[in-house]
Amino acid sequence: MRHTFLIPALAFGLATATAGCKIVENPDPNSATEVEANQTDEVRMAAYARDVWDAQVLPTVTNNLVSISDLRAAQAQDPEAAGQAHGLRPEGEANPWNFAVSGSGIVVEAKLKSRAAKLQIDTDADGVADLTIQLGPVIRGTALRDAMPFLTFTDFRDQIEFAKLAGGLNAMAHERLEIPDPETDVTGQTVSFEGVFSYKNATTKPEVVPTMLTFEGP
């Protein structure tokens, strides 16, 4: 009699065990969610910077442009008032003002062969460079990121991710520029520019991250 009930009991146990199992499908490695999860911070923030560049970054710069000569005059009167009138910065008075500026000037010195390529520009016609334009691809600073009111630190995972965003925006600025051949001598040429810089103090030369740059012959 014991053998009579052994097979039904075993079948019942297997059925119960099967009913208690939940089949979970493996995630599709090609799905958008999985692809994003497997990306590095640098790759994800570079993609984000590309997404917002034309739709939000460039309009923010355009809508807040002030000529470099007008800004200097305002800063000479009262730097904080100039910031209140023309500046952009993250919340908090400890953060420096960032300015979207436009202007033109003569190239006094060009450093085009470096990965941190730069132009030294004379914008007030005194023969001395008073503004630096960063060409990159290595571009210093976080001015572009910090000038964007729609970018808030608390919307990002952590400080590392936020730092990679600054790098992604700087990379976009470099990518969109038409930079002369490194072998070209652009000294003496006139440059017109739009871009952003972080204000440090009255004696520090602005280092502009350009969003628009055009060259004209001497």
N, C-alpha and C. Protein backbone atom coordinates (compact mmCIF):
# COMPACT_ATOMS: atom_id res chain seq x y z
N MET A 1 0.84 -1.19 0.00
CA MET A 1 0.00 0.00 0.00
C MET A 1 0.88 1.25 0.00
N ARG A 2 1.99 1.21 0.66
CA ARG A 2 2.87 2.38 0.69
C ARG A 2 3.32 2.73 -0.71
N HIS A 3 3.61 1.70 -1.57
CA HIS A 3 4.02 1.95 -2.94
C HIS A 3 2.89 2.53 -3.76
N THR A 4 1.68 2.25 -3.41
CA THR A 4 0.53 2.76 -4.16
C THR A 4 0.45 4.27 -4.08
N PHE A 5 0.81 4.84 -2.95
CA PHE A 5 0.68 6.30 -2.76
C PHE A 5 1.98 7.06 -3.03
N LEU A 6 3.09 6.39 -3.29
CA LEU A 6 4.37 7.08 -3.45
C LEU A 6 4.40 7.94 -4.70
N ILE A 7 3.95 7.42 -5.85
CA ILE A 7 4.00 8.15 -7.11
C ILE A 7 3.08 9.36 -7.09
N PRO A 8 1.80 9.23 -6.64
CA PRO A 8 0.94 10.43 -6.57
C PRO A 8 1.51 11.49 -5.65
N ALA A 9 2.12 11.08 -4.53
CA ALA A 9 2.67 12.06 -3.60
C ALA A 9 3.84 12.80 -4.23
N LEU A 10 4.69 12.05 -4.97
CA LEU A 10 5.82 12.67 -5.63
C LEU A 10 5.36 13.64 -6.70
N ALA A 11 4.33 13.23 -7.47
CA ALA A 11 3.79 14.10 -8.53
C ALA A 11 3.23 15.37 -7.93
N PHE A 12 2.53 15.25 -6.78
CA PHE A 12 1.96 16.43 -6.12
C PHE A 12 3.06 17.39 -5.67
N GLY A 13 4.17 16.84 -5.14
CA GLY A 13 5.29 17.68 -4.69
C GLY A 13 5.92 18.44 -5.84
N LEU A 14 6.09 17.77 -6.98
CA LEU A 14 6.67 18.45 -8.14
C LEU A 14 5.76 19.53 -8.66
N ALA A 15 4.46 19.27 -8.67
CA ALA A 15 3.51 20.26 -9.14
C ALA A 15 3.51 21.48 -8.25
N THR A 16 3.61 21.25 -6.94
CA THR A 16 3.63 22.36 -5.98
C THR A 16 4.89 23.20 -6.16
N ALA A 17 6.03 22.54 -6.33
CA ALA A 17 7.29 23.26 -6.50
C ALA A 17 7.27 24.08 -7.77
N THR A 18 6.71 23.50 -8.85
CA THR A 18 6.63 24.23 -10.12
C THR A 18 5.74 25.45 -10.00
N ALA A 19 4.63 25.28 -9.30
CA ALA A 19 3.69 26.39 -9.14
C ALA A 19 4.32 27.53 -8.36
N GLY A 20 5.26 27.22 -7.47
CA GLY A 20 5.88 28.25 -6.64
C GLY A 20 7.01 28.98 -7.33
N CYS A 21 7.43 28.53 -8.51
CA CYS A 21 8.52 29.17 -9.22
C CYS A 21 7.99 30.29 -10.11
N LYS A 22 8.80 31.36 -10.26
CA LYS A 22 8.47 32.47 -11.15
C LYS A 22 9.55 32.59 -12.19
N ILE A 23 9.17 32.49 -13.44
CA ILE A 23 10.13 32.57 -14.52
C ILE A 23 10.40 34.03 -14.83
N VAL A 24 11.67 34.43 -14.69
CA VAL A 24 12.07 35.82 -14.96
C VAL A 24 12.92 35.84 -16.21
N GLU A 25 12.49 36.63 -17.18
CA GLU A 25 13.24 36.71 -18.43
C GLU A 25 14.52 37.52 -18.22
N ASN A 26 15.58 37.11 -18.89
CA ASN A 26 16.81 37.90 -18.86
C ASN A 26 16.57 39.22 -19.58
N PRO A 27 17.13 40.33 -19.02
CA PRO A 27 16.94 41.62 -19.67
C PRO A 27 17.58 41.65 -21.05
N ASP A 28 16.95 42.34 -21.95
CA ASP A 28 17.48 42.49 -23.30
C ASP A 28 18.67 43.44 -23.26
N PRO A 29 19.88 42.96 -23.55
CA PRO A 29 21.06 43.83 -23.46
C PRO A 29 21.02 44.99 -24.44
N ASN A 30 20.12 44.89 -25.45
CA ASN A 30 20.02 45.96 -26.44
C ASN A 30 18.92 46.97 -26.15
N SER A 31 18.17 46.77 -25.05
CA SER A 31 17.10 47.71 -24.72
C SER A 31 17.72 49.03 -24.27
N ALA A 32 16.95 50.12 -24.44
CA ALA A 32 17.46 51.46 -24.10
C ALA A 32 17.85 51.53 -22.63
N THR A 33 17.04 50.91 -21.76
CA THR A 33 17.31 50.97 -20.33
C THR A 33 18.61 50.26 -19.99
N GLU A 34 18.81 49.08 -20.57
CA GLU A 34 20.02 48.33 -20.28
C GLU A 34 21.25 48.98 -20.87
N VAL A 35 21.13 49.54 -22.06
CA VAL A 35 22.27 50.22 -22.68
C VAL A 35 22.71 51.39 -21.82
N GLU A 36 21.73 52.18 -21.34
CA GLU A 36 22.06 53.33 -20.50
C GLU A 36 22.69 52.90 -19.18
N ALA A 37 22.17 51.80 -18.61
CA ALA A 37 22.69 51.32 -17.33
C ALA A 37 24.14 50.87 -17.45
N ASN A 38 24.53 50.39 -18.64
CA ASN A 38 25.88 49.89 -18.82
C ASN A 38 26.87 50.96 -19.30
N GLN A 39 26.38 52.18 -19.52
CA GLN A 39 27.26 53.24 -19.97
C GLN A 39 28.00 53.86 -18.79
N THR A 40 29.17 54.40 -19.06
CA THR A 40 29.91 55.14 -18.04
C THR A 40 29.27 56.51 -17.86
N ASP A 41 29.62 57.16 -16.73
CA ASP A 41 29.13 58.51 -16.49
C ASP A 41 29.52 59.44 -17.64
N GLU A 42 30.75 59.28 -18.11
CA GLU A 42 31.25 60.16 -19.17
C GLU A 42 30.43 60.02 -20.45
N VAL A 43 30.13 58.79 -20.81
CA VAL A 43 29.37 58.54 -22.04
C VAL A 43 27.94 59.05 -21.90
N ARG A 44 27.31 58.79 -20.76
CA ARG A 44 25.93 59.23 -20.57
C ARG A 44 25.82 60.75 -20.55
N MET A 45 26.76 61.42 -19.87
CA MET A 45 26.71 62.88 -19.79
C MET A 45 27.07 63.52 -21.13
N ALA A 46 27.93 62.87 -21.91
CA ALA A 46 28.22 63.38 -23.25
C ALA A 46 26.97 63.31 -24.12
N ALA A 47 26.23 62.22 -24.00
CA ALA A 47 24.98 62.08 -24.76
C ALA A 47 23.95 63.11 -24.31
N TYR A 48 23.87 63.34 -23.00
CA TYR A 48 22.94 64.33 -22.48
C TYR A 48 23.30 65.73 -22.98
N ALA A 49 24.57 66.06 -22.95
CA ALA A 49 25.03 67.37 -23.43
C ALA A 49 24.66 67.56 -24.89
N ARG A 50 24.81 66.53 -25.68
CA ARG A 50 24.44 66.62 -27.09
C ARG A 50 22.94 66.84 -27.25
N ASP A 51 22.14 66.19 -26.43
CA ASP A 51 20.69 66.32 -26.52
C ASP A 51 20.20 67.73 -26.22
N VAL A 52 20.85 68.41 -25.27
CA VAL A 52 20.36 69.73 -24.84
C VAL A 52 21.07 70.89 -25.54
N TRP A 53 22.09 70.61 -26.32
CA TRP A 53 22.92 71.68 -26.87
C TRP A 53 22.12 72.67 -27.73
N ASP A 54 21.52 72.17 -28.79
CA ASP A 54 20.80 73.06 -29.70
C ASP A 54 19.49 73.57 -29.12
N ALA A 55 18.81 72.71 -28.38
CA ALA A 55 17.48 73.07 -27.89
C ALA A 55 17.51 74.00 -26.69
N GLN A 56 18.53 73.89 -25.83
CA GLN A 56 18.53 74.65 -24.58
C GLN A 56 19.80 75.46 -24.33
N VAL A 57 20.95 74.89 -24.60
CA VAL A 57 22.20 75.59 -24.28
C VAL A 57 22.37 76.83 -25.16
N LEU A 58 22.30 76.67 -26.48
CA LEU A 58 22.51 77.80 -27.37
C LEU A 58 21.46 78.90 -27.18
N PRO A 59 20.17 78.57 -27.01
CA PRO A 59 19.20 79.63 -26.75
C PRO A 59 19.47 80.38 -25.44
N THR A 60 19.96 79.68 -24.41
CA THR A 60 20.28 80.35 -23.15
C THR A 60 21.40 81.35 -23.34
N VAL A 61 22.43 80.96 -24.10
CA VAL A 61 23.52 81.89 -24.38
C VAL A 61 23.01 83.08 -25.17
N THR A 62 22.26 82.83 -26.22
CA THR A 62 21.76 83.91 -27.07
C THR A 62 20.88 84.88 -26.29
N ASN A 63 20.02 84.36 -25.44
CA ASN A 63 19.06 85.20 -24.72
C ASN A 63 19.71 86.03 -23.61
N ASN A 64 20.94 85.69 -23.24
CA ASN A 64 21.59 86.40 -22.14
C ASN A 64 22.87 87.13 -22.57
N LEU A 65 23.06 87.28 -23.86
CA LEU A 65 24.28 87.90 -24.35
C LEU A 65 24.38 89.37 -23.92
N VAL A 66 25.59 89.75 -23.53
CA VAL A 66 25.93 91.14 -23.26
C VAL A 66 27.29 91.37 -23.92
N SER A 67 27.49 92.53 -24.51
CA SER A 67 28.78 92.79 -25.17
C SER A 67 29.86 92.86 -24.10
N ILE A 68 31.04 92.39 -24.44
CA ILE A 68 32.13 92.37 -23.48
C ILE A 68 32.49 93.79 -23.03
N SER A 69 32.37 94.76 -23.92
CA SER A 69 32.69 96.15 -23.54
C SER A 69 31.67 96.70 -22.56
N ASP A 70 30.39 96.42 -22.78
CA ASP A 70 29.35 96.88 -21.85
C ASP A 70 29.49 96.19 -20.50
N LEU A 71 29.83 94.92 -20.52
CA LEU A 71 30.00 94.19 -19.26
C LEU A 71 31.17 94.74 -18.47
N ARG A 72 32.27 95.01 -19.12
CA ARG A 72 33.43 95.57 -18.41
C ARG A 72 33.07 96.91 -17.76
N ALA A 73 32.34 97.73 -18.48
CA ALA A 73 31.95 99.03 -17.93
C ALA A 73 31.08 98.85 -16.70
N ALA A 74 30.14 97.89 -16.76
CA ALA A 74 29.26 97.64 -15.62
C ALA A 74 30.03 97.06 -14.45
N GLN A 75 30.98 96.17 -14.72
CA GLN A 75 31.77 95.57 -13.64
C GLN A 75 32.67 96.61 -12.98
N ALA A 76 33.15 97.57 -13.76
CA ALA A 76 34.00 98.62 -13.19
C ALA A 76 33.21 99.48 -12.19
N GLN A 77 31.93 99.64 -12.45
CA GLN A 77 31.08 100.41 -11.54
C GLN A 77 30.75 99.61 -10.28
N ASP A 78 30.30 98.35 -10.48
CA ASP A 78 29.88 97.51 -9.35
C ASP A 78 29.78 96.06 -9.83
N PRO A 79 30.77 95.23 -9.51
CA PRO A 79 30.76 93.85 -10.00
C PRO A 79 29.51 93.07 -9.61
N GLU A 80 29.04 93.25 -8.38
CA GLU A 80 27.86 92.50 -7.94
C GLU A 80 26.61 92.96 -8.68
N ALA A 81 26.49 94.25 -8.89
CA ALA A 81 25.34 94.77 -9.65
C ALA A 81 25.39 94.28 -11.09
N ALA A 82 26.59 94.20 -11.65
CA ALA A 82 26.74 93.68 -13.01
C ALA A 82 26.31 92.22 -13.06
N GLY A 83 26.64 91.48 -12.01
CA GLY A 83 26.21 90.09 -11.94
C GLY A 83 24.70 89.96 -11.85
N GLN A 84 24.10 90.78 -11.02
CA GLN A 84 22.65 90.74 -10.88
C GLN A 84 21.96 91.10 -12.19
N ALA A 85 22.55 92.03 -12.94
CA ALA A 85 21.92 92.48 -14.17
C ALA A 85 22.15 91.53 -15.35
N HIS A 86 23.33 90.93 -15.42
CA HIS A 86 23.69 90.17 -16.62
C HIS A 86 24.12 88.73 -16.35
N GLY A 87 24.39 88.39 -15.10
CA GLY A 87 25.03 87.12 -14.82
C GLY A 87 24.08 85.94 -14.68
N LEU A 88 24.68 84.77 -14.72
CA LEU A 88 23.99 83.50 -14.53
C LEU A 88 24.83 82.68 -13.57
N ARG A 89 24.18 82.05 -12.60
CA ARG A 89 24.92 81.19 -11.69
C ARG A 89 23.96 80.25 -10.97
N PRO A 90 24.50 79.14 -10.45
CA PRO A 90 23.68 78.25 -9.62
C PRO A 90 23.25 78.98 -8.36
N GLU A 91 22.24 78.47 -7.69
CA GLU A 91 21.75 79.09 -6.46
C GLU A 91 22.87 79.13 -5.42
N GLY A 92 22.93 80.23 -4.69
CA GLY A 92 23.95 80.36 -3.65
C GLY A 92 24.91 81.49 -3.96
N GLU A 93 25.02 82.42 -3.04
CA GLU A 93 25.86 83.59 -3.28
C GLU A 93 27.35 83.26 -3.35
N ALA A 94 27.73 82.10 -2.85
CA ALA A 94 29.15 81.71 -2.89
C ALA A 94 29.60 81.32 -4.29
N ASN A 95 28.65 81.02 -5.17
CA ASN A 95 29.00 80.62 -6.53
C ASN A 95 29.36 81.84 -7.37
N PRO A 96 30.37 81.72 -8.23
CA PRO A 96 30.75 82.87 -9.07
C PRO A 96 29.72 83.14 -10.15
N TRP A 97 29.69 84.40 -10.59
CA TRP A 97 28.83 84.75 -11.72
C TRP A 97 29.43 84.23 -13.02
N ASN A 98 28.57 83.77 -13.90
CA ASN A 98 28.96 83.40 -15.25
C ASN A 98 28.26 84.34 -16.22
N PHE A 99 28.95 84.71 -17.28
CA PHE A 99 28.39 85.67 -18.22
C PHE A 99 28.43 85.12 -19.64
N ALA A 100 27.34 85.34 -20.37
CA ALA A 100 27.30 85.05 -21.80
C ALA A 100 27.65 86.35 -22.52
N VAL A 101 28.76 86.34 -23.24
CA VAL A 101 29.27 87.59 -23.82
C VAL A 101 29.46 87.45 -25.33
N SER A 102 29.43 88.60 -25.98
CA SER A 102 29.74 88.68 -27.40
C SER A 102 30.77 89.77 -27.60
N GLY A 103 31.50 89.71 -28.70
CA GLY A 103 32.49 90.74 -28.98
C GLY A 103 33.34 90.37 -30.16
N SER A 104 34.33 91.20 -30.40
CA SER A 104 35.29 90.93 -31.47
C SER A 104 36.62 91.55 -31.07
N GLY A 105 37.67 91.11 -31.72
CA GLY A 105 39.00 91.64 -31.40
C GLY A 105 40.05 91.07 -32.32
N ILE A 106 41.26 91.52 -32.11
CA ILE A 106 42.39 91.08 -32.92
C ILE A 106 43.15 89.98 -32.20
N VAL A 107 43.51 88.94 -32.95
CA VAL A 107 44.30 87.85 -32.38
C VAL A 107 45.73 88.34 -32.16
N VAL A 108 46.12 88.41 -30.90
CA VAL A 108 47.48 88.82 -30.54
C VAL A 108 48.42 87.62 -30.50
N GLU A 109 47.88 86.50 -30.07
CA GLU A 109 48.68 85.27 -29.97
C GLU A 109 47.76 84.08 -30.17
N ALA A 110 48.24 83.09 -30.88
CA ALA A 110 47.46 81.88 -31.15
C ALA A 110 48.26 80.65 -30.77
N LYS A 111 47.63 79.75 -30.06
CA LYS A 111 48.26 78.49 -29.66
C LYS A 111 47.36 77.38 -30.18
N LEU A 112 47.57 76.99 -31.43
CA LEU A 112 46.66 76.09 -32.11
C LEU A 112 47.12 74.63 -32.12
N LYS A 113 48.39 74.39 -31.85
CA LYS A 113 48.91 73.02 -31.93
C LYS A 113 48.73 72.23 -30.64
N SER A 114 48.35 72.91 -29.58
CA SER A 114 48.15 72.25 -28.29
C SER A 114 46.76 71.63 -28.22
N ARG A 115 46.62 70.59 -27.40
CA ARG A 115 45.28 70.05 -27.15
C ARG A 115 44.44 71.03 -26.32
N ALA A 116 45.12 71.92 -25.61
CA ALA A 116 44.42 73.00 -24.91
C ALA A 116 44.58 74.29 -25.72
N ALA A 117 44.21 74.23 -27.00
CA ALA A 117 44.41 75.35 -27.92
C ALA A 117 43.65 76.59 -27.44
N LYS A 118 44.29 77.76 -27.63
CA LYS A 118 43.70 79.02 -27.16
C LYS A 118 44.07 80.15 -28.11
N LEU A 119 43.26 81.20 -28.03
CA LEU A 119 43.55 82.46 -28.71
C LEU A 119 43.62 83.55 -27.66
N GLN A 120 44.59 84.44 -27.80
CA GLN A 120 44.67 85.62 -26.96
C GLN A 120 44.18 86.81 -27.80
N ILE A 121 43.15 87.48 -27.30
CA ILE A 121 42.44 88.48 -28.10
C ILE A 121 42.55 89.86 -27.47
N ASP A 122 42.76 90.86 -28.31
CA ASP A 122 42.71 92.26 -27.90
C ASP A 122 41.35 92.81 -28.33
N THR A 123 40.48 93.08 -27.37
CA THR A 123 39.13 93.55 -27.70
C THR A 123 38.96 95.06 -27.54
N ASP A 124 39.96 95.74 -27.00
CA ASP A 124 39.80 97.18 -26.80
C ASP A 124 40.84 98.01 -27.56
N ALA A 125 41.49 97.36 -28.51
CA ALA A 125 42.38 98.05 -29.46
C ALA A 125 43.56 98.76 -28.81
N ASP A 126 44.08 98.21 -27.70
CA ASP A 126 45.27 98.81 -27.09
C ASP A 126 46.53 97.99 -27.37
N GLY A 127 46.37 96.94 -28.20
CA GLY A 127 47.52 96.12 -28.57
C GLY A 127 47.86 95.02 -27.58
N VAL A 128 47.11 94.93 -26.49
CA VAL A 128 47.38 93.93 -25.45
C VAL A 128 46.19 92.98 -25.34
N ALA A 129 46.47 91.68 -25.23
CA ALA A 129 45.40 90.69 -25.09
C ALA A 129 44.67 90.89 -23.76
N ASP A 130 43.36 90.96 -23.82
CA ASP A 130 42.57 91.13 -22.60
C ASP A 130 41.50 90.06 -22.45
N LEU A 131 41.52 89.05 -23.31
CA LEU A 131 40.52 87.98 -23.26
C LEU A 131 41.10 86.74 -23.92
N THR A 132 40.85 85.60 -23.32
CA THR A 132 41.29 84.31 -23.86
C THR A 132 40.09 83.55 -24.39
N ILE A 133 40.23 82.98 -25.56
CA ILE A 133 39.20 82.09 -26.10
C ILE A 133 39.75 80.67 -26.08
N GLN A 134 39.07 79.78 -25.37
CA GLN A 134 39.49 78.39 -25.29
C GLN A 134 38.93 77.60 -26.48
N LEU A 135 39.81 76.97 -27.22
CA LEU A 135 39.39 76.20 -28.39
C LEU A 135 39.34 74.70 -28.12
N GLY A 136 40.20 74.23 -27.24
CA GLY A 136 40.20 72.80 -26.91
C GLY A 136 40.94 71.96 -27.95
N PRO A 137 40.77 70.65 -27.89
CA PRO A 137 39.67 69.96 -27.21
C PRO A 137 39.68 69.98 -25.69
N VAL A 138 40.82 70.23 -25.08
CA VAL A 138 40.83 70.35 -23.62
C VAL A 138 40.41 71.77 -23.25
N ILE A 139 39.26 71.88 -22.59
CA ILE A 139 38.72 73.17 -22.18
C ILE A 139 38.52 73.15 -20.67
N ARG A 140 39.07 74.14 -20.00
CA ARG A 140 39.01 74.18 -18.54
C ARG A 140 37.71 74.82 -18.07
N GLY A 141 37.32 74.43 -16.85
CA GLY A 141 36.25 75.13 -16.17
C GLY A 141 34.87 74.54 -16.37
N THR A 142 33.92 75.11 -15.65
CA THR A 142 32.53 74.64 -15.67
C THR A 142 31.56 75.76 -16.03
N ALA A 143 32.05 76.80 -16.70
CA ALA A 143 31.22 77.97 -16.98
C ALA A 143 29.97 77.62 -17.78
N LEU A 144 30.12 76.80 -18.81
CA LEU A 144 28.95 76.45 -19.63
C LEU A 144 27.89 75.75 -18.80
N ARG A 145 28.29 74.80 -18.02
CA ARG A 145 27.33 74.08 -17.17
C ARG A 145 26.68 75.01 -16.16
N ASP A 146 27.50 75.83 -15.48
CA ASP A 146 27.00 76.64 -14.38
C ASP A 146 26.18 77.83 -14.85
N ALA A 147 26.28 78.16 -16.14
CA ALA A 147 25.48 79.27 -16.68
C ALA A 147 24.10 78.81 -17.13
N MET A 148 23.84 77.51 -17.10
CA MET A 148 22.56 76.99 -17.58
C MET A 148 21.57 76.85 -16.43
N PRO A 149 20.54 77.68 -16.36
CA PRO A 149 19.60 77.63 -15.24
C PRO A 149 18.79 76.33 -15.17
N PHE A 150 18.71 75.60 -16.27
CA PHE A 150 17.95 74.35 -16.27
C PHE A 150 18.77 73.16 -15.77
N LEU A 151 20.05 73.38 -15.48
CA LEU A 151 20.90 72.30 -14.96
C LEU A 151 21.13 72.52 -13.47
N THR A 152 20.56 71.65 -12.66
CA THR A 152 20.64 71.76 -11.20
C THR A 152 21.33 70.53 -10.64
N PHE A 153 22.27 70.75 -9.74
CA PHE A 153 23.05 69.65 -9.19
C PHE A 153 22.17 68.53 -8.62
N THR A 154 21.10 68.90 -7.93
CA THR A 154 20.26 67.90 -7.28
C THR A 154 19.51 67.01 -8.27
N ASP A 155 19.50 67.38 -9.55
CA ASP A 155 18.86 66.54 -10.56
C ASP A 155 19.77 65.43 -11.06
N PHE A 156 21.02 65.43 -10.58
CA PHE A 156 21.98 64.43 -11.03
C PHE A 156 22.39 63.55 -9.86
N ARG A 157 22.96 62.39 -10.17
CA ARG A 157 23.21 61.38 -9.15
C ARG A 157 24.19 61.84 -8.09
N ASP A 158 25.31 62.42 -8.54
CA ASP A 158 26.33 62.83 -7.58
C ASP A 158 27.27 63.84 -8.24
N GLN A 159 28.28 64.24 -7.51
CA GLN A 159 29.21 65.26 -7.99
C GLN A 159 30.02 64.77 -9.17
N ILE A 160 30.32 63.48 -9.20
CA ILE A 160 31.10 62.93 -10.31
C ILE A 160 30.32 63.04 -11.61
N GLU A 161 29.06 62.66 -11.57
CA GLU A 161 28.22 62.75 -12.76
C GLU A 161 28.08 64.21 -13.22
N PHE A 162 27.92 65.13 -12.25
CA PHE A 162 27.77 66.54 -12.58
C PHE A 162 29.05 67.09 -13.20
N ALA A 163 30.20 66.62 -12.72
CA ALA A 163 31.48 67.04 -13.30
C ALA A 163 31.62 66.53 -14.74
N LYS A 164 31.18 65.32 -14.99
CA LYS A 164 31.24 64.76 -16.34
C LYS A 164 30.33 65.55 -17.29
N LEU A 165 29.23 66.08 -16.76
CA LEU A 165 28.35 66.91 -17.58
C LEU A 165 29.07 68.16 -18.05
N ALA A 166 29.83 68.80 -17.17
CA ALA A 166 30.61 69.98 -17.56
C ALA A 166 31.56 69.63 -18.69
N GLY A 167 32.22 68.48 -18.56
CA GLY A 167 33.12 68.03 -19.62
C GLY A 167 32.40 67.77 -20.93
N GLY A 168 31.20 67.20 -20.84
CA GLY A 168 30.42 66.93 -22.05
C GLY A 168 30.02 68.21 -22.77
N LEU A 169 29.65 69.23 -22.02
CA LEU A 169 29.29 70.52 -22.62
C LEU A 169 30.50 71.19 -23.25
N ASN A 170 31.63 71.15 -22.57
CA ASN A 170 32.86 71.71 -23.14
C ASN A 170 33.24 70.99 -24.43
N ALA A 171 33.04 69.69 -24.45
CA ALA A 171 33.35 68.91 -25.65
C ALA A 171 32.44 69.31 -26.81
N MET A 172 31.18 69.60 -26.51
CA MET A 172 30.26 70.05 -27.55
C MET A 172 30.69 71.40 -28.11
N ALA A 173 31.13 72.30 -27.24
CA ALA A 173 31.61 73.60 -27.70
C ALA A 173 32.76 73.42 -28.69
N HIS A 174 33.71 72.58 -28.34
CA HIS A 174 34.85 72.32 -29.22
C HIS A 174 34.39 71.70 -30.54
N GLU A 175 33.49 70.74 -30.46
CA GLU A 175 33.05 70.02 -31.66
C GLU A 175 32.39 70.95 -32.67
N ARG A 176 31.67 71.96 -32.19
CA ARG A 176 30.92 72.82 -33.09
C ARG A 176 31.75 73.97 -33.67
N LEU A 177 32.97 74.14 -33.21
CA LEU A 177 33.80 75.24 -33.71
C LEU A 177 34.47 74.87 -35.03
N GLU A 178 34.65 75.87 -35.87
CA GLU A 178 35.46 75.71 -37.07
C GLU A 178 36.82 76.32 -36.76
N ILE A 179 37.75 75.48 -36.37
CA ILE A 179 39.06 75.93 -35.92
C ILE A 179 40.04 75.90 -37.09
N PRO A 180 40.82 76.96 -37.27
CA PRO A 180 41.78 76.97 -38.38
C PRO A 180 42.80 75.84 -38.26
N ASP A 181 43.39 75.50 -39.38
CA ASP A 181 44.45 74.51 -39.38
C ASP A 181 45.56 74.95 -38.43
N PRO A 182 46.08 74.02 -37.62
CA PRO A 182 47.12 74.39 -36.65
C PRO A 182 48.35 75.04 -37.27
N GLU A 183 48.59 74.77 -38.55
CA GLU A 183 49.75 75.35 -39.23
C GLU A 183 49.48 76.78 -39.71
N THR A 184 48.22 77.21 -39.62
CA THR A 184 47.85 78.54 -40.10
C THR A 184 48.25 79.61 -39.09
N ASP A 185 48.74 80.72 -39.57
CA ASP A 185 49.05 81.86 -38.70
C ASP A 185 47.85 82.80 -38.70
N VAL A 186 47.12 82.82 -37.60
CA VAL A 186 45.93 83.67 -37.52
C VAL A 186 46.20 84.96 -36.76
N THR A 187 47.46 85.16 -36.37
CA THR A 187 47.81 86.39 -35.66
C THR A 187 47.50 87.60 -36.54
N GLY A 188 46.83 88.58 -35.95
CA GLY A 188 46.44 89.77 -36.70
C GLY A 188 45.06 89.69 -37.30
N GLN A 189 44.47 88.50 -37.32
CA GLN A 189 43.11 88.37 -37.84
C GLN A 189 42.09 88.87 -36.82
N THR A 190 40.94 89.28 -37.33
CA THR A 190 39.85 89.70 -36.47
C THR A 190 38.96 88.51 -36.17
N VAL A 191 38.60 88.36 -34.91
CA VAL A 191 37.73 87.27 -34.47
C VAL A 191 36.47 87.84 -33.85
N SER A 192 35.34 87.32 -34.26
CA SER A 192 34.07 87.63 -33.60
C SER A 192 33.65 86.39 -32.82
N PHE A 193 33.08 86.59 -31.64
CA PHE A 193 32.79 85.44 -30.79
C PHE A 193 31.53 85.66 -29.95
N GLU A 194 30.94 84.57 -29.56
CA GLU A 194 29.95 84.49 -28.49
C GLU A 194 30.35 83.33 -27.61
N GLY A 195 30.11 83.44 -26.32
CA GLY A 195 30.48 82.36 -25.42
C GLY A 195 30.26 82.72 -23.98
N VAL A 196 30.77 81.89 -23.10
CA VAL A 196 30.51 82.01 -21.66
C VAL A 196 31.83 81.97 -20.90
N PHE A 197 31.91 82.75 -19.83
CA PHE A 197 33.06 82.64 -18.94
C PHE A 197 32.62 82.86 -17.51
N SER A 198 33.42 82.36 -16.56
CA SER A 198 33.19 82.56 -15.13
C SER A 198 34.02 83.75 -14.66
N TYR A 199 33.36 84.69 -13.99
CA TYR A 199 34.05 85.88 -13.50
C TYR A 199 34.75 85.55 -12.19
N LYS A 200 36.05 85.87 -12.13
CA LYS A 200 36.81 85.65 -10.90
C LYS A 200 37.04 86.95 -10.16
N ASN A 201 37.68 87.90 -10.82
CA ASN A 201 37.91 89.21 -10.23
C ASN A 201 38.28 90.18 -11.34
N ALA A 202 38.43 91.43 -10.98
CA ALA A 202 38.66 92.48 -11.99
C ALA A 202 40.00 92.36 -12.69
N THR A 203 40.96 91.67 -12.08
CA THR A 203 42.29 91.58 -12.67
C THR A 203 42.54 90.29 -13.44
N THR A 204 41.60 89.36 -13.38
CA THR A 204 41.77 88.07 -14.07
C THR A 204 41.16 88.15 -15.47
N LYS A 205 41.96 87.79 -16.46
CA LYS A 205 41.51 87.84 -17.85
C LYS A 205 40.41 86.79 -18.08
N PRO A 206 39.29 87.17 -18.66
CA PRO A 206 38.23 86.19 -18.93
C PRO A 206 38.72 85.07 -19.85
N GLU A 207 38.34 83.84 -19.52
CA GLU A 207 38.63 82.68 -20.37
C GLU A 207 37.29 82.18 -20.92
N VAL A 208 37.00 82.57 -22.14
CA VAL A 208 35.70 82.32 -22.75
C VAL A 208 35.65 80.94 -23.39
N VAL A 209 34.57 80.21 -23.11
CA VAL A 209 34.27 78.98 -23.84
C VAL A 209 33.32 79.39 -24.97
N PRO A 210 33.78 79.38 -26.22
CA PRO A 210 32.96 79.95 -27.29
C PRO A 210 31.86 79.01 -27.78
N THR A 211 30.72 79.59 -28.09
CA THR A 211 29.64 78.85 -28.75
C THR A 211 29.50 79.30 -30.20
N MET A 212 30.19 80.39 -30.55
CA MET A 212 30.25 80.87 -31.94
C MET A 212 31.58 81.57 -32.12
N LEU A 213 32.21 81.31 -33.28
CA LEU A 213 33.52 81.90 -33.54
C LEU A 213 33.70 82.05 -35.04
N THR A 214 34.03 83.25 -35.49
CA THR A 214 34.30 83.47 -36.91
C THR A 214 35.59 84.28 -37.06
N PHE A 215 36.35 83.98 -38.11
CA PHE A 215 37.61 84.64 -38.41
C PHE A 215 37.47 85.50 -39.66
N GLU A 216 38.13 86.64 -39.65
CA GLU A 216 38.24 87.48 -40.83
C GLU A 216 39.72 87.81 -41.03
N GLY A 217 40.10 88.05 -42.24
CA GLY A 217 41.50 88.37 -42.53
C GLY A 217 41.90 89.70 -41.92
N PRO A 218 43.21 89.94 -41.77
CA PRO A 218 43.71 91.18 -41.17
C PRO A 218 43.37 92.39 -42.03
